[in-house]
Every structure is written in structure tokens, then in C-alpha cells.
Amino acid sequence: MAENPKIVVVEDDASFASFLEMALEEANYQVFVFYDPEEALLKLPDLTPNLVITDLRMPKLDGIAFIEKAKKLLPDTPFIVITAFGSIPSAVSAMKAGAVDYLTKPLASPDELLEKVRCYIKVKSPAPSEDLPPLEVIFAGIEELYEKLLEVAKTDATICLLGETGTGKSLIAKVIHKLSGREGPFVEINCAALPENLVEAELFGYEKGAFTGAVKAKPGKFELARGGTLFLDEVSEMSLPVQAKFLKVLQDRTFERLGGLKPLKTDARFITATNRDLKELVRQGRFREDLYYRINIFSFYLPPLRERQKALERIVQYLIEKLSKKHGKPLRALSKSSWERLKNYPFPGNIRELENLLERAVVLSKGDLIEVELQSAEEKPSSSSFPSQEDLRIKELEKKAILKALEVAKGNKSQAAKLLGISLKTLYNKLKELNLRD
């Protein structure tokens, strides 16, 4: 995999250098900071950066002299000058020395810098396609859906993916991102996995001091997905206040970090998903009608696995190959009796459940064939002995929420409990129950 672009920062002000480093690293760049321009000159040939950002007034060697020397080492590398002493003459001198752009301190926001940076180098996308199954497997039995997505993917239109849990909505969202040709990253958030206040912090980001535990500024998903795609899974679980704020972002593409005063912009493409009936939630007053129409410009229904019986064999064969490779097991065929069981099974958990069943069968396989065992309702152990799939899902969501709250609160359990909206005693009980104790 190609490395993310490298940026060298030459800045004698440690505080401002730290600000630049954090903003650039959050945007997926590799950052190398030098406080001494002469030291930077020694390291530039080995680093071969994609871009250099330098202060204008520095001891030992000013920014213009630094650019003149550095250009001899890296003639094709773009340079951006940042200075607190902005003036037309200095800007002209910097451009003559070889700078491609010029910014003055203080910057209005990290966006001002990042917009300039993106003009000269492209942020590498995490390339979700690397882990995607072949398209003929993803769209087996639903080929017509692929034809429709091809028409919509390259537009900026908001898309809503509908369907039961486990039908592959996240996977389809990644395919849409791949088909869109967008250079930015694919960013995902599960709106049901976090409490209301943490969902808001994750989406909008926050400034230093916005709340207890916010020891430094952090960009949110709207910022991180700039130039790419933001996938909001289980969007139906958003609280009404967060829905209202999300609607504003959809309407004018601007937002503010928590604790921030300056509006920021995003050009991310939005894809939402839900397994709930949004029209019914609107009728009940639990989902905003105006937001419903905003996210529902194009909606696509992903049918459950039981409605894709003709595609079952192709999906099973792909999963067996994938899981055999993952666990280092020899590739074996599925037994005839197992095929009959799978063909007559309703798959309430859809493709996710199918993969879990096959993974267990592949791991335990010993003979020439893979045997898949299914439990009927009568054979299932009582819920007091084994948790149901829904119980396990809820536990996992609780675990993610608690870990995120502890991360934001920097390990402060009292503050984490406040963020979660529970008592400290309840938090300790949950930590014990989920085996998250120190």
C-alpha cells in the first residue's frame, strides 16, 4: 500500500508547529517538524517530502533563504509560506524564491491550511476496496441494484440504504464510495453505538476546553470526511437535537465544532443507513420529516438473504474460501446435508449470520467436507444460559460507548459517567460486567 503524503514543517514557534502537526496528521498526512531550518536542509534529501511548509521569519535562516536552498535539493517540491508578518513585498519575495502559496498567522482555522495543502497534494484514501469482496459476489442476486448505483454514485446526491440488520449496508456504502471516484477517505460512524453527547462530539468535533476532558482540539467526522464519503449507520437512532444539527449541515454544508465559534465547511458525500421504518418514526415524532426528505433523495433497499436464494451458492463459496485462508485451513467443500440446511434456513441475521455459521464450521472442520450445524428454536439453550444475538449486539454497543467515553474523558471515570448520562456506581458495575476493569 502506498504511504500517505509526507509534509515537512519548518517552524521555530513550538506551539504553532504543534498546531500544524496535529491538523495535518488528523488529515492523514505524515508530518516531520523541524524547529531549525538548517537541520531541515540536511534531512530533506532523505525525506523527499510531497510538500514543505515553512515560516518566513526564523533565526539563523529566514524562510526565503531556506526556500532558495531547499529548491536546489527538491526542485519539484511545492513550498507554502506561513508568517505572522504578512505583507505584499514579503509575499512577492516568497513567490520569487519558489513558494506556491502564502498564508498569514493567525490562521482562521485548520481548514484554511488544509484547503491550500490539498491544492498541491492529494490525501490518500484508505482504499476500502482492498478488503471488498468481488462485485459479482456483493451484488449476487441483486444485479439490478448495481446498475442503479452506477448512475448515482458519481453524483453528490445523498443516499439512504434500507434493509434488515446484516444485509451488508456498510459494504454497499464502501462500494458507492469506490464508484464515486472521490479522493478523500471513507469515514463511518454508528449512531446507535454512542450516547447522544458523544455522537455529537464525534460528528462535529470539539475545541480544547469545550468540556471537561477536552484537553486538545479534535476534528469530527464532518471534517475528516472532507473530499470523501461519510457513512452514518443506524441514522434512525440519532436524537432529535442532533438530527436538527445534521439537517443544517445537509442544507448549507457548514458546521461548528463544540465550543467553536468559527463556521467550518465540508464537501463530504453523505450516505445513511437504517433497519427501521423511517416513515413510521416520522409519524411517531421520533424522526424529523424535513431530515427524512433530505436523506431520502435516493433510497436503495437491500433484500434479506432469504430473498436471494439463487445467489446463496456463490456467496457461500466465496466465504468458505475467505475463511479457510483466514484460519489457515485447507479448502474443503460443503457437505450435501449442510447445503440442504442452509437452503431451508431463514437467516434472521442475514449475511452476517451466514458468515458466523461458516466461520465456526470451517474452524471445526476435520474431514474432507465442511459440516454446518444449525440449531432449531427447540434446540436452542435457554436465554439464561446463552445470550441471544440481540443481547450480544447490545453488549457490544455498550462496550463501545463506555470505551469512547473513557477516551474522551482521558480515563476520568466520573467525567465518563457524566458523558454517558449514568451514575458512577452504574459505570463501575458496567465495567465489571463487560470485563473492562483496569
Protein backbone atom coordinates (compact mmCIF):
# COMPACT_ATOMS: atom_id res chain seq x y z
CA MET A 1 0.00 0.00 0.00
CA ALA A 2 1.31 3.47 -0.86
CA GLU A 3 2.29 5.67 2.05
CA ASN A 4 0.32 8.77 2.90
CA PRO A 5 1.89 12.01 1.55
CA LYS A 6 4.79 13.41 3.58
CA ILE A 7 4.86 17.05 4.71
CA VAL A 8 7.85 18.82 6.26
CA VAL A 9 7.04 21.72 8.62
CA VAL A 10 9.81 24.23 9.38
CA GLU A 11 8.62 26.46 12.21
CA ASP A 12 10.58 27.85 15.19
CA ASP A 13 7.42 28.54 17.23
CA ALA A 14 6.89 25.20 19.04
CA SER A 15 3.25 25.93 19.88
CA PHE A 16 2.28 26.82 16.31
CA ALA A 17 4.34 23.90 14.95
CA SER A 18 2.36 21.57 17.23
CA PHE A 19 -0.90 23.04 15.92
CA LEU A 20 0.17 22.45 12.31
CA GLU A 21 1.35 18.92 13.09
CA MET A 22 -1.94 17.94 14.74
CA ALA A 23 -4.09 19.41 11.94
CA LEU A 24 -2.09 17.68 9.22
CA GLU A 25 -1.86 14.32 10.96
CA GLU A 26 -5.63 14.32 11.51
CA ALA A 27 -5.93 14.72 7.72
CA ASN A 28 -3.86 11.55 7.18
CA TYR A 29 -0.53 13.16 6.28
CA GLN A 30 2.87 12.07 7.56
CA VAL A 31 4.38 15.12 9.29
CA PHE A 32 8.04 15.89 10.06
CA VAL A 33 8.62 19.00 12.17
CA PHE A 34 11.90 20.96 12.30
CA TYR A 35 12.47 23.99 14.53
CA ASP A 36 15.84 24.72 12.88
CA PRO A 37 15.82 25.41 9.10
CA GLU A 38 19.47 24.35 8.74
CA GLU A 39 18.68 20.95 10.26
CA ALA A 40 15.73 20.63 7.89
CA LEU A 41 18.03 21.23 4.90
CA LEU A 42 20.18 18.30 5.97
CA LYS A 43 17.21 15.92 6.21
CA LEU A 44 15.19 16.97 3.14
CA PRO A 45 17.00 14.75 0.59
CA ASP A 46 16.33 11.62 2.63
CA LEU A 47 12.73 12.51 3.46
CA THR A 48 11.74 13.53 -0.10
CA PRO A 49 8.51 15.21 1.11
CA ASN A 50 5.48 15.87 -1.07
CA LEU A 51 5.16 19.39 0.36
CA VAL A 52 7.14 21.77 2.61
CA ILE A 53 5.54 24.37 4.89
CA THR A 54 7.89 26.99 6.29
CA ASP A 55 7.76 30.05 8.49
CA LEU A 56 9.05 33.27 6.95
CA ARG A 57 10.99 34.84 9.83
CA MET A 58 13.27 32.43 11.68
CA PRO A 59 16.66 32.71 13.40
CA LYS A 60 19.78 31.56 11.51
CA LEU A 61 18.00 31.38 8.16
CA ASP A 62 14.83 33.14 7.06
CA GLY A 63 12.10 31.38 5.10
CA ILE A 64 13.00 32.91 1.72
CA ALA A 65 16.66 31.91 2.01
CA PHE A 66 15.56 28.47 3.21
CA ILE A 67 13.32 28.01 0.14
CA GLU A 68 16.10 29.09 -2.22
CA LYS A 69 18.47 26.49 -0.74
CA ALA A 70 15.83 23.77 -0.43
CA LYS A 71 14.67 24.24 -4.03
CA LYS A 72 18.12 23.19 -5.21
CA LEU A 73 17.64 19.91 -3.32
CA LEU A 74 13.97 19.40 -4.22
CA PRO A 75 13.24 21.37 -7.40
CA ASP A 76 9.82 19.80 -7.98
CA THR A 77 8.51 20.03 -4.40
CA PRO A 78 5.88 22.73 -3.65
CA PHE A 79 6.53 25.15 -0.74
CA ILE A 80 3.93 27.07 1.28
CA VAL A 81 4.98 30.04 3.41
CA ILE A 82 3.21 30.91 6.67
CA THR A 83 4.12 34.04 8.61
CA ALA A 84 2.81 36.42 11.21
CA PHE A 85 4.31 39.30 9.24
CA GLY A 86 2.21 39.23 6.14
CA SER A 87 2.80 41.90 3.54
CA ILE A 88 2.72 42.24 -0.22
CA PRO A 89 6.54 42.62 -0.55
CA SER A 90 7.24 39.51 1.53
CA ALA A 91 4.62 37.56 -0.42
CA VAL A 92 6.25 38.59 -3.72
CA SER A 93 9.69 37.64 -2.40
CA ALA A 94 8.43 34.25 -1.24
CA MET A 95 6.86 33.56 -4.63
CA LYS A 96 10.04 34.58 -6.43
CA ALA A 97 12.01 32.20 -4.22
CA GLY A 98 9.74 29.36 -5.33
CA ALA A 99 6.78 29.27 -2.92
CA VAL A 100 3.47 28.17 -4.44
CA ASP A 101 1.26 29.80 -1.84
CA TYR A 102 1.27 32.19 1.10
CA LEU A 103 -0.75 32.29 4.34
CA THR A 104 -0.66 34.67 7.29
CA LYS A 105 -0.90 33.94 11.02
CA PRO A 106 -3.18 33.51 12.82
CA LEU A 107 -4.99 31.04 10.58
CA ALA A 108 -8.77 31.30 10.67
CA SER A 109 -8.95 27.52 11.16
CA PRO A 110 -7.10 24.34 10.20
CA ASP A 111 -9.37 24.28 7.15
CA GLU A 112 -7.62 27.33 5.75
CA LEU A 113 -4.35 25.41 5.76
CA LEU A 114 -5.78 22.08 4.60
CA GLU A 115 -7.58 23.64 1.65
CA LYS A 116 -4.26 25.03 0.43
CA VAL A 117 -2.43 21.76 1.06
CA ARG A 118 -4.99 19.78 -0.94
CA CYS A 119 -4.38 22.03 -3.93
CA TYR A 120 -0.85 20.68 -4.24
CA ILE A 121 -1.01 17.12 -2.94
CA LYS A 122 -3.90 14.70 -2.62
CA VAL A 123 -4.92 12.98 0.61
CA LYS A 124 -4.67 9.23 0.15
CA SER A 125 -7.93 7.42 0.62
CA PRO A 126 -7.86 4.38 2.90
CA ALA A 127 -8.97 2.48 -0.22
CA PRO A 128 -11.72 0.34 1.25
CA SER A 129 -11.77 -1.64 -2.00
CA GLU A 130 -8.75 -3.59 -0.79
CA ASP A 131 -10.93 -5.58 1.59
CA LEU A 132 -14.07 -5.67 -0.53
CA PRO A 133 -15.35 -8.94 -1.97
CA PRO A 134 -15.67 -9.09 -5.79
CA LEU A 135 -18.61 -7.09 -7.08
CA GLU A 136 -20.17 -10.23 -8.56
CA VAL A 137 -20.35 -11.62 -5.02
CA ILE A 138 -21.58 -8.42 -3.36
CA PHE A 139 -24.38 -7.99 -5.90
CA ALA A 140 -25.16 -11.68 -6.47
CA GLY A 141 -28.92 -11.90 -6.90
CA ILE A 142 -29.33 -8.11 -6.81
CA GLU A 143 -27.53 -7.18 -10.03
CA GLU A 144 -30.14 -4.55 -10.85
CA LEU A 145 -29.12 -2.66 -7.70
CA TYR A 146 -25.57 -2.34 -9.02
CA GLU A 147 -26.87 -0.83 -12.27
CA LYS A 148 -28.79 1.81 -10.30
CA LEU A 149 -25.83 2.60 -8.05
CA LEU A 150 -23.62 3.18 -11.07
CA GLU A 151 -25.92 6.01 -12.12
CA VAL A 152 -25.99 7.70 -8.70
CA ALA A 153 -22.52 7.01 -7.26
CA LYS A 154 -20.67 9.67 -9.25
CA THR A 155 -23.08 12.41 -8.20
CA ASP A 156 -23.07 14.24 -4.85
CA ALA A 157 -26.64 13.15 -4.07
CA THR A 158 -27.34 11.89 -0.55
CA ILE A 159 -28.16 8.17 -0.42
CA CYS A 160 -30.14 6.19 2.15
CA LEU A 161 -29.63 2.42 2.39
CA LEU A 162 -32.53 0.43 3.80
CA GLY A 163 -32.71 -3.18 4.92
CA GLU A 164 -32.55 -5.59 7.80
CA THR A 165 -29.53 -5.90 10.07
CA GLY A 166 -26.72 -7.88 8.47
CA THR A 167 -27.69 -7.30 4.82
CA GLY A 168 -24.41 -5.53 4.05
CA LYS A 169 -25.32 -1.84 4.12
CA SER A 170 -21.83 -0.81 5.25
CA LEU A 171 -20.31 -2.88 2.44
CA ILE A 172 -22.57 -1.26 -0.16
CA ALA A 173 -21.66 2.19 1.20
CA LYS A 174 -17.97 1.39 0.62
CA VAL A 175 -18.77 0.27 -2.92
CA ILE A 176 -20.56 3.56 -3.58
CA HIS A 177 -17.51 5.44 -2.29
CA LYS A 178 -15.26 3.41 -4.58
CA LEU A 179 -17.51 4.03 -7.59
CA SER A 180 -17.72 7.75 -6.82
CA GLY A 181 -14.04 8.29 -7.59
CA ARG A 182 -13.73 10.64 -4.61
CA GLU A 183 -10.13 11.23 -3.48
CA GLY A 184 -10.96 11.74 0.21
CA PRO A 185 -11.44 8.95 2.78
CA PHE A 186 -14.40 6.76 3.60
CA VAL A 187 -15.42 7.63 7.17
CA GLU A 188 -18.01 5.69 9.13
CA ILE A 189 -19.95 6.27 12.35
CA ASN A 190 -22.57 4.07 14.01
CA CYS A 191 -25.13 6.45 15.51
CA ALA A 192 -26.50 3.74 17.80
CA ALA A 193 -23.14 2.83 19.31
CA LEU A 194 -22.66 6.07 21.26
CA PRO A 195 -24.74 8.23 23.65
CA GLU A 196 -26.22 11.46 22.26
CA ASN A 197 -23.49 13.79 23.54
CA LEU A 198 -20.71 11.57 22.22
CA VAL A 199 -22.37 11.21 18.80
CA GLU A 200 -22.42 15.00 18.58
CA ALA A 201 -18.75 15.27 19.61
CA GLU A 202 -17.75 12.58 17.12
CA LEU A 203 -19.65 14.22 14.24
CA PHE A 204 -18.82 17.87 14.85
CA GLY A 205 -15.51 17.61 16.70
CA TYR A 206 -14.62 19.92 19.57
CA GLU A 207 -12.25 22.66 20.61
CA LYS A 208 -9.85 22.47 23.53
CA GLY A 209 -11.76 23.16 26.76
CA ALA A 210 -15.19 22.60 25.17
CA PHE A 211 -15.95 20.26 28.07
CA THR A 212 -14.11 18.56 30.89
CA GLY A 213 -11.69 16.09 29.37
CA ALA A 214 -11.28 18.01 26.09
CA VAL A 215 -7.57 18.66 26.66
CA LYS A 216 -6.95 19.34 22.98
CA ALA A 217 -9.00 20.15 19.92
CA LYS A 218 -10.24 17.25 17.83
CA PRO A 219 -11.79 17.34 14.36
CA GLY A 220 -15.05 15.49 13.88
CA LYS A 221 -16.25 13.13 11.18
CA PHE A 222 -17.56 16.01 9.05
CA GLU A 223 -14.01 17.35 8.82
CA LEU A 224 -12.26 14.00 8.45
CA ALA A 225 -14.54 13.01 5.56
CA ARG A 226 -13.87 16.17 3.57
CA GLY A 227 -13.41 15.27 -0.08
CA GLY A 228 -14.66 11.75 0.63
CA THR A 229 -17.71 9.96 1.97
CA LEU A 230 -19.32 9.99 5.41
CA PHE A 231 -21.42 6.92 6.17
CA LEU A 232 -23.89 7.33 9.06
CA ASP A 233 -25.10 3.87 10.03
CA GLU A 234 -28.31 3.49 12.06
CA VAL A 235 -29.15 7.16 11.43
CA SER A 236 -32.62 6.49 12.85
CA GLU A 237 -31.07 6.33 16.33
CA MET A 238 -29.97 9.97 16.27
CA SER A 239 -31.63 12.09 18.93
CA LEU A 240 -33.89 14.91 17.73
CA PRO A 241 -31.40 17.67 18.75
CA VAL A 242 -28.59 16.01 16.78
CA GLN A 243 -30.98 15.46 13.86
CA ALA A 244 -31.61 19.21 13.76
CA LYS A 245 -27.89 19.96 13.64
CA PHE A 246 -27.27 17.31 10.99
CA LEU A 247 -30.07 18.82 8.88
CA LYS A 248 -28.28 22.18 8.96
CA VAL A 249 -25.08 20.56 7.69
CA LEU A 250 -27.01 18.97 4.83
CA GLN A 251 -28.65 22.29 3.97
CA ASP A 252 -25.68 24.66 3.90
CA ARG A 253 -22.64 22.38 4.31
CA THR A 254 -21.38 24.35 7.30
CA PHE A 255 -21.00 23.43 10.95
CA GLU A 256 -19.12 24.41 14.10
CA ARG A 257 -17.05 22.30 16.44
CA LEU A 258 -18.35 22.00 20.01
CA GLY A 259 -17.00 25.05 21.81
CA GLY A 260 -16.05 26.65 18.50
CA LEU A 261 -17.15 29.99 17.10
CA LYS A 262 -15.99 29.85 13.50
CA PRO A 263 -18.06 28.04 10.87
CA LEU A 264 -16.32 25.21 9.04
CA LYS A 265 -17.23 23.71 5.69
CA THR A 266 -17.50 20.15 4.44
CA ASP A 267 -17.88 18.80 0.94
CA ALA A 268 -18.31 15.20 2.06
CA ARG A 269 -20.83 12.98 0.35
CA PHE A 270 -23.37 11.59 2.84
CA ILE A 271 -24.68 8.04 2.89
CA THR A 272 -27.07 6.99 5.64
CA ALA A 273 -28.46 3.60 6.58
CA THR A 274 -31.15 2.17 8.83
CA ASN A 275 -33.03 -1.05 9.51
CA ARG A 276 -36.01 0.91 10.83
CA ASP A 277 -39.13 2.23 9.08
CA LEU A 278 -38.31 5.94 8.87
CA LYS A 279 -41.83 6.90 7.72
CA GLU A 280 -43.26 5.29 10.84
CA LEU A 281 -40.69 7.07 13.03
CA VAL A 282 -41.69 10.36 11.38
CA ARG A 283 -45.34 9.59 12.14
CA GLN A 284 -44.42 8.93 15.77
CA GLY A 285 -42.50 12.20 16.01
CA ARG A 286 -39.20 10.41 16.61
CA PHE A 287 -37.59 11.40 13.32
CA ARG A 288 -37.72 14.81 11.67
CA GLU A 289 -39.79 14.89 8.50
CA ASP A 290 -37.57 17.53 6.86
CA LEU A 291 -34.48 15.41 7.58
CA TYR A 292 -36.24 12.34 6.19
CA TYR A 293 -36.71 14.05 2.83
CA ARG A 294 -33.14 15.39 2.87
CA ILE A 295 -31.50 11.98 3.31
CA ASN A 296 -34.01 10.14 1.14
CA ILE A 297 -33.17 11.74 -2.20
CA PHE A 298 -32.11 8.29 -3.37
CA SER A 299 -33.01 5.24 -1.28
CA PHE A 300 -32.00 1.67 -2.04
CA TYR A 301 -33.43 -1.41 -0.39
CA LEU A 302 -31.12 -4.33 0.34
CA PRO A 303 -33.21 -7.51 0.42
CA PRO A 304 -32.62 -10.10 3.17
CA LEU A 305 -30.60 -13.20 2.38
CA ARG A 306 -33.72 -15.41 2.35
CA GLU A 307 -34.83 -13.46 -0.74
CA ARG A 308 -31.51 -14.10 -2.50
CA GLN A 309 -31.63 -17.89 -2.57
CA LYS A 310 -30.36 -18.12 -6.15
CA ALA A 311 -27.21 -16.28 -5.08
CA LEU A 312 -26.62 -18.33 -1.93
CA GLU A 313 -24.18 -20.78 -3.52
CA ARG A 314 -21.94 -18.05 -4.91
CA ILE A 315 -21.86 -16.19 -1.58
CA VAL A 316 -21.17 -19.37 0.41
CA GLN A 317 -18.31 -20.43 -1.88
CA TYR A 318 -16.67 -17.02 -1.56
CA LEU A 319 -16.99 -17.01 2.24
CA ILE A 320 -15.57 -20.53 2.56
CA GLU A 321 -12.50 -19.54 0.51
CA LYS A 322 -12.06 -16.35 2.52
CA LEU A 323 -12.45 -18.03 5.92
CA SER A 324 -10.26 -21.02 5.03
CA LYS A 325 -7.47 -18.62 4.10
CA LYS A 326 -8.04 -16.51 7.23
CA HIS A 327 -7.69 -19.51 9.58
CA GLY A 328 -5.08 -21.40 7.60
CA LYS A 329 -7.43 -24.32 6.98
CA PRO A 330 -7.39 -26.47 3.82
CA LEU A 331 -10.08 -25.54 1.32
CA ARG A 332 -12.93 -28.05 1.71
CA ALA A 333 -16.32 -28.39 0.08
CA LEU A 334 -19.60 -28.03 1.94
CA SER A 335 -21.37 -31.32 2.58
CA LYS A 336 -24.65 -32.03 0.74
CA SER A 337 -26.58 -32.17 4.01
CA SER A 338 -25.15 -28.77 5.01
CA TRP A 339 -26.26 -27.32 1.69
CA GLU A 340 -29.79 -28.54 2.32
CA ARG A 341 -29.79 -27.00 5.79
CA LEU A 342 -28.61 -23.62 4.50
CA LYS A 343 -31.11 -23.57 1.61
CA ASN A 344 -34.00 -24.10 4.02
CA TYR A 345 -32.78 -21.76 6.75
CA PRO A 346 -34.42 -18.28 7.03
CA PHE A 347 -31.23 -16.45 8.17
CA PRO A 348 -32.69 -13.88 10.57
CA GLY A 349 -29.19 -12.42 10.88
CA ASN A 350 -28.69 -12.39 7.09
CA ILE A 351 -25.18 -12.44 5.57
CA ARG A 352 -23.57 -11.60 8.90
CA GLU A 353 -25.14 -14.69 10.44
CA LEU A 354 -24.18 -16.82 7.43
CA GLU A 355 -20.55 -15.78 7.79
CA ASN A 356 -20.57 -16.58 11.52
CA LEU A 357 -22.03 -20.05 10.85
CA LEU A 358 -19.49 -20.79 8.15
CA GLU A 359 -16.56 -19.50 10.18
CA ARG A 360 -17.45 -21.85 13.03
CA ALA A 361 -17.82 -24.73 10.56
CA VAL A 362 -14.53 -24.02 8.77
CA VAL A 363 -12.58 -23.77 12.04
CA LEU A 364 -14.03 -27.05 13.37
CA SER A 365 -13.79 -28.96 10.07
CA LYS A 366 -11.52 -32.02 10.12
CA GLY A 367 -12.62 -34.41 7.36
CA ASP A 368 -12.97 -33.92 3.63
CA LEU A 369 -16.17 -31.88 3.96
CA ILE A 370 -17.41 -28.89 5.93
CA GLU A 371 -20.41 -29.58 8.14
CA VAL A 372 -22.68 -26.70 9.16
CA GLU A 373 -24.86 -27.28 12.19
CA LEU A 374 -27.97 -25.19 12.76
CA GLN A 375 -29.98 -25.05 15.98
CA SER A 376 -33.74 -25.02 15.74
CA ALA A 377 -35.76 -22.93 18.16
CA GLU A 378 -36.45 -26.09 20.20
CA GLU A 379 -32.75 -26.96 20.40
CA LYS A 380 -31.57 -23.53 21.48
CA PRO A 381 -30.34 -23.28 25.07
CA SER A 382 -32.35 -21.04 27.37
CA SER A 383 -31.50 -17.35 27.32
CA SER A 384 -30.36 -17.67 30.91
CA SER A 385 -27.50 -19.91 29.71
CA PHE A 386 -26.57 -18.22 26.45
CA PRO A 387 -27.27 -14.62 25.39
CA SER A 388 -29.26 -14.05 22.21
CA GLN A 389 -27.80 -12.29 19.17
CA GLU A 390 -29.63 -9.12 20.15
CA ASP A 391 -28.24 -9.32 23.71
CA LEU A 392 -24.72 -9.69 22.34
CA ARG A 393 -25.25 -6.75 20.00
CA ILE A 394 -26.45 -4.54 22.86
CA LYS A 395 -23.46 -5.55 25.00
CA GLU A 396 -21.09 -4.67 22.17
CA LEU A 397 -22.71 -1.25 21.71
CA GLU A 398 -22.48 -0.62 25.48
CA LYS A 399 -18.81 -1.57 25.43
CA LYS A 400 -18.03 0.78 22.53
CA ALA A 401 -19.88 3.65 24.19
CA ILE A 402 -18.06 3.20 27.51
CA LEU A 403 -14.64 2.94 25.86
CA LYS A 404 -15.31 6.08 23.80
CA ALA A 405 -16.47 8.00 26.90
CA LEU A 406 -13.34 6.95 28.81
CA GLU A 407 -11.20 8.02 25.85
CA VAL A 408 -12.80 11.47 25.70
CA ALA A 409 -12.59 11.83 29.49
CA LYS A 410 -8.93 10.73 29.46
CA GLY A 411 -9.70 7.89 31.85
CA ASN A 412 -11.62 10.02 34.34
CA LYS A 413 -14.46 7.70 35.32
CA SER A 414 -16.57 10.43 36.97
CA GLN A 415 -16.47 12.53 33.82
CA ALA A 416 -17.08 9.46 31.65
CA ALA A 417 -20.18 8.63 33.70
CA LYS A 418 -21.49 12.19 33.13
CA LEU A 419 -20.89 11.90 29.39
CA LEU A 420 -22.80 8.61 29.36
CA GLY A 421 -25.62 10.00 31.47
CA ILE A 422 -25.26 7.32 34.16
CA SER A 423 -24.12 7.26 37.78
CA LEU A 424 -20.55 6.47 38.72
CA LYS A 425 -21.76 3.32 40.51
CA THR A 426 -23.55 2.15 37.35
CA LEU A 427 -20.39 2.77 35.33
CA TYR A 428 -18.32 0.65 37.71
CA ASN A 429 -20.93 -2.11 37.52
CA LYS A 430 -20.84 -1.98 33.72
CA LEU A 431 -17.03 -2.07 33.69
CA LYS A 432 -17.17 -5.21 35.82
CA GLU A 433 -19.97 -6.78 33.77
CA LEU A 434 -18.19 -6.14 30.45
CA ASN A 435 -14.80 -7.15 31.84
CA LEU A 436 -13.37 -3.66 31.27
CA ARG A 437 -11.82 -3.17 34.66
CA ASP A 438 -8.28 -1.84 34.92
